[in-house]
Amino acid sequence: MAPNLSLFSVNAILILSPDGTRVLAKYYHPPHTNTSTPSPTTNPYPTVKEQKPFEKGLVEKTAKSNSDIILYDNRIVVFKAESDVMLYVVGGVEENEMLLWHTLLALRDSLNILLKNATDKRTLLENYDIVSLAIDEIVDDGIILETDPATIAGRVSKPPMHEVGGVKGLDLSEQGLLNAWEFGKKQLAERLRQGL
């Protein structure tokens, strides 16, 4: 059998509450797979109907576990408890555990940076867009792209560097807008004084 030379390594990234309800779930399917011969990297959970029992069973098994890595349903699962949620990274049975572990730590640490150490269920749901972007910066289609939390947080929280509409260096913060308003008022007052 030929060795697996694919970069695909993550089957799923899950954020679940302790009762097994889904906060966020991203399942990945390897590109260019032969569906007639299942491999260890193929995702056996293509629909929500199959995903929900997997997630429920995963929460039940990890609640009893005293380690951070388990083998569940022929998948390697690394997990970490954060406040009132559980973070999971699921990979194939032949996947490198340390690679999955660093991916999980990158997720946890980047969320801590982005959400100011408030990785509870409510904050995650309120900032769902940021959480989803952070996961997309870490893993794209099952391929791990980045594991440095500072880089991930920087990419998620920074505006694009290209010029928008010819305006360069415009401060759109609240203070910047107040400064622009004050500048506009002064200019208008000066023009009215000159014209009268």
Protein backbone atom coordinates (compact mmCIF):
# COMPACT_ATOMS: atom_id res chain seq x y z
CA MET A 1 0.00 0.00 0.00
CA ALA A 2 1.35 3.44 -0.94
CA PRO A 3 1.96 5.91 1.89
CA ASN A 4 -0.50 8.74 2.35
CA LEU A 5 1.21 11.80 0.85
CA SER A 6 -1.69 14.15 1.38
CA LEU A 7 -1.51 17.25 3.56
CA PHE A 8 -5.06 16.52 4.74
CA SER A 9 -4.86 15.82 8.47
CA VAL A 10 -7.94 17.20 10.29
CA ASN A 11 -11.35 15.53 9.97
CA ALA A 12 -13.18 17.98 12.22
CA ILE A 13 -12.87 20.90 14.60
CA LEU A 14 -15.64 20.94 17.17
CA ILE A 15 -16.67 23.27 19.96
CA LEU A 16 -19.29 21.55 22.09
CA SER A 17 -20.99 22.32 25.37
CA PRO A 18 -20.74 19.72 28.18
CA ASP A 19 -24.26 18.45 27.46
CA GLY A 20 -23.25 17.59 23.87
CA THR A 21 -24.94 20.48 22.08
CA ARG A 22 -23.04 22.02 19.22
CA VAL A 23 -21.60 25.50 19.54
CA LEU A 24 -19.56 25.29 16.35
CA ALA A 25 -18.62 22.33 14.16
CA LYS A 26 -16.55 22.16 11.00
CA TYR A 27 -16.14 18.83 9.26
CA TYR A 28 -13.62 18.44 6.47
CA HIS A 29 -13.58 16.03 3.54
CA PRO A 30 -10.29 15.20 1.82
CA PRO A 31 -10.06 16.28 -1.80
CA HIS A 32 -9.56 13.73 -4.56
CA THR A 33 -10.67 10.66 -2.64
CA ASN A 34 -12.04 7.50 -4.12
CA THR A 35 -15.45 6.95 -2.54
CA SER A 36 -15.53 3.23 -3.40
CA THR A 37 -12.58 2.43 -1.12
CA PRO A 38 -12.83 4.09 2.28
CA SER A 39 -9.53 5.24 3.76
CA PRO A 40 -8.63 6.34 7.29
CA THR A 41 -8.83 9.98 6.21
CA THR A 42 -12.33 9.89 4.74
CA ASN A 43 -14.99 11.45 6.87
CA PRO A 44 -17.66 8.93 7.93
CA TYR A 45 -19.94 11.77 9.10
CA PRO A 46 -21.09 13.53 5.92
CA THR A 47 -24.50 14.60 7.25
CA VAL A 48 -25.77 16.20 10.43
CA LYS A 49 -27.74 13.01 11.13
CA GLU A 50 -24.45 11.10 11.54
CA GLN A 51 -22.58 14.01 13.15
CA LYS A 52 -24.94 14.52 16.12
CA PRO A 53 -24.57 10.98 17.58
CA PHE A 54 -20.80 11.16 17.06
CA GLU A 55 -20.65 14.46 18.96
CA LYS A 56 -22.91 13.20 21.76
CA GLY A 57 -20.82 10.04 22.19
CA LEU A 58 -17.62 12.06 22.07
CA VAL A 59 -18.76 14.30 24.91
CA GLU A 60 -19.80 11.28 26.98
CA LYS A 61 -16.45 9.55 26.46
CA THR A 62 -14.34 12.64 27.12
CA ALA A 63 -16.28 13.47 30.28
CA LYS A 64 -14.97 10.21 31.77
CA SER A 65 -11.44 10.58 30.41
CA ASN A 66 -8.54 11.88 32.46
CA SER A 67 -6.24 12.53 29.48
CA ASP A 68 -6.31 15.01 26.61
CA ILE A 69 -6.20 12.47 23.80
CA ILE A 70 -8.44 9.51 23.05
CA LEU A 71 -9.16 7.05 20.28
CA TYR A 72 -12.86 7.24 19.51
CA ASP A 73 -14.70 5.62 16.61
CA ASN A 74 -11.39 4.84 14.89
CA ARG A 75 -10.38 8.51 15.07
CA ILE A 76 -7.73 10.27 17.14
CA VAL A 77 -9.38 13.02 19.15
CA VAL A 78 -7.48 15.67 21.11
CA PHE A 79 -9.55 17.89 23.36
CA LYS A 80 -9.34 20.64 25.93
CA ALA A 81 -11.91 21.98 28.38
CA GLU A 82 -12.30 25.76 28.37
CA SER A 83 -14.74 27.32 30.82
CA ASP A 84 -18.13 25.82 29.85
CA VAL A 85 -17.16 24.43 26.42
CA MET A 86 -14.97 21.64 25.07
CA LEU A 87 -12.63 22.17 22.11
CA TYR A 88 -11.97 19.12 19.91
CA VAL A 89 -9.68 18.40 16.97
CA VAL A 90 -10.42 15.09 15.22
CA GLY A 91 -7.95 13.38 12.92
CA GLY A 92 -7.46 10.02 11.22
CA VAL A 93 -6.16 7.04 13.15
CA GLU A 94 -2.73 7.29 11.48
CA GLU A 95 -2.40 11.04 12.07
CA ASN A 96 0.38 12.62 14.12
CA GLU A 97 -1.00 13.31 17.61
CA MET A 98 1.43 16.16 18.28
CA LEU A 99 0.35 17.93 15.12
CA LEU A 100 -3.29 17.67 16.17
CA TRP A 101 -2.39 18.78 19.71
CA HIS A 102 -0.60 21.91 18.44
CA THR A 103 -3.59 22.67 16.25
CA LEU A 104 -5.84 22.48 19.31
CA LEU A 105 -3.51 24.71 21.32
CA ALA A 106 -3.41 27.21 18.46
CA LEU A 107 -7.21 27.31 18.47
CA ARG A 108 -7.41 27.74 22.24
CA ASP A 109 -4.69 30.39 22.47
CA SER A 110 -5.89 32.41 19.48
CA LEU A 111 -9.44 32.44 20.90
CA ASN A 112 -8.02 33.59 24.24
CA ILE A 113 -6.22 36.46 22.48
CA LEU A 114 -9.18 37.44 20.31
CA LEU A 115 -11.84 37.13 23.04
CA LYS A 116 -9.67 38.51 25.85
CA ASN A 117 -9.55 35.22 27.83
CA ALA A 118 -13.35 34.83 27.77
CA THR A 119 -13.85 31.54 25.94
CA ASP A 120 -17.22 30.68 27.39
CA LYS A 121 -20.25 29.56 25.39
CA ARG A 122 -22.00 32.92 25.43
CA THR A 123 -18.93 34.85 24.27
CA LEU A 124 -18.23 32.29 21.55
CA LEU A 125 -21.79 32.61 20.24
CA GLU A 126 -21.69 36.43 20.38
CA ASN A 127 -18.40 36.42 18.43
CA TYR A 128 -19.24 33.53 16.12
CA ASP A 129 -17.78 35.33 13.10
CA ILE A 130 -14.41 35.84 14.79
CA VAL A 131 -14.31 32.23 16.02
CA SER A 132 -15.16 30.92 12.57
CA LEU A 133 -12.51 33.11 10.94
CA ALA A 134 -9.91 31.93 13.46
CA ILE A 135 -10.69 28.30 12.66
CA ASP A 136 -10.49 29.06 8.94
CA GLU A 137 -7.05 30.64 9.47
CA ILE A 138 -5.86 27.53 11.33
CA VAL A 139 -7.33 24.82 9.08
CA ASP A 140 -8.49 25.05 5.48
CA ASP A 141 -10.23 21.99 3.99
CA GLY A 142 -8.55 19.73 6.56
CA ILE A 143 -5.06 21.08 5.91
CA ILE A 144 -3.33 22.78 8.83
CA LEU A 145 -2.13 26.21 7.71
CA GLU A 146 -1.00 28.01 10.86
CA THR A 147 -0.39 27.16 14.51
CA ASP A 148 0.99 30.46 15.86
CA PRO A 149 -1.78 32.08 17.94
CA ALA A 150 -0.43 35.63 17.57
CA THR A 151 -0.33 35.32 13.78
CA ILE A 152 -3.84 33.87 13.69
CA ALA A 153 -5.22 36.60 15.95
CA GLY A 154 -3.45 39.24 13.87
CA ARG A 155 -4.95 37.95 10.63
CA VAL A 156 -8.44 37.74 12.07
CA SER A 157 -8.49 41.12 13.81
CA LYS A 158 -6.60 43.27 11.28
CA PRO A 159 -8.36 45.08 8.44
CA PRO A 160 -7.04 44.37 4.95
CA MET A 161 -3.90 46.29 4.06
CA HIS A 162 -4.98 47.29 0.55
CA GLU A 163 -6.31 50.75 -0.21
CA VAL A 164 -10.09 51.05 -0.14
CA GLY A 165 -11.50 53.63 -2.56
CA GLY A 166 -8.30 55.68 -2.66
CA VAL A 167 -8.46 56.50 1.05
CA LYS A 168 -5.17 55.76 2.79
CA GLY A 169 -4.64 55.75 6.55
CA LEU A 170 -8.20 56.69 7.46
CA ASP A 171 -8.98 56.18 11.14
CA LEU A 172 -12.50 54.72 11.35
CA SER A 173 -12.52 54.25 15.11
CA GLU A 174 -14.95 56.23 17.26
CA GLN A 175 -12.22 58.70 18.23
CA GLY A 176 -11.15 59.04 14.61
CA LEU A 177 -14.70 59.84 13.52
CA LEU A 178 -15.08 62.39 16.33
CA ASN A 179 -11.82 64.04 15.22
CA ALA A 180 -13.08 64.18 11.63
CA TRP A 181 -16.37 65.75 12.83
CA GLU A 182 -14.52 68.41 14.83
CA PHE A 183 -12.24 69.13 11.87
CA GLY A 184 -15.27 69.48 9.58
CA LYS A 185 -17.00 71.86 12.01
CA LYS A 186 -13.89 74.05 12.24
CA GLN A 187 -13.51 74.15 8.46
CA LEU A 188 -17.18 75.06 7.97
CA ALA A 189 -16.98 77.81 10.63
CA GLU A 190 -13.85 79.20 8.97
CA ARG A 191 -15.50 79.23 5.53
CA LEU A 192 -18.60 80.94 6.88
CA ARG A 193 -16.47 83.61 8.60
CA GLN A 194 -14.55 84.26 5.39
CA GLY A 195 -17.72 84.49 3.30
CA LEU A 196 -19.56 86.90 5.63
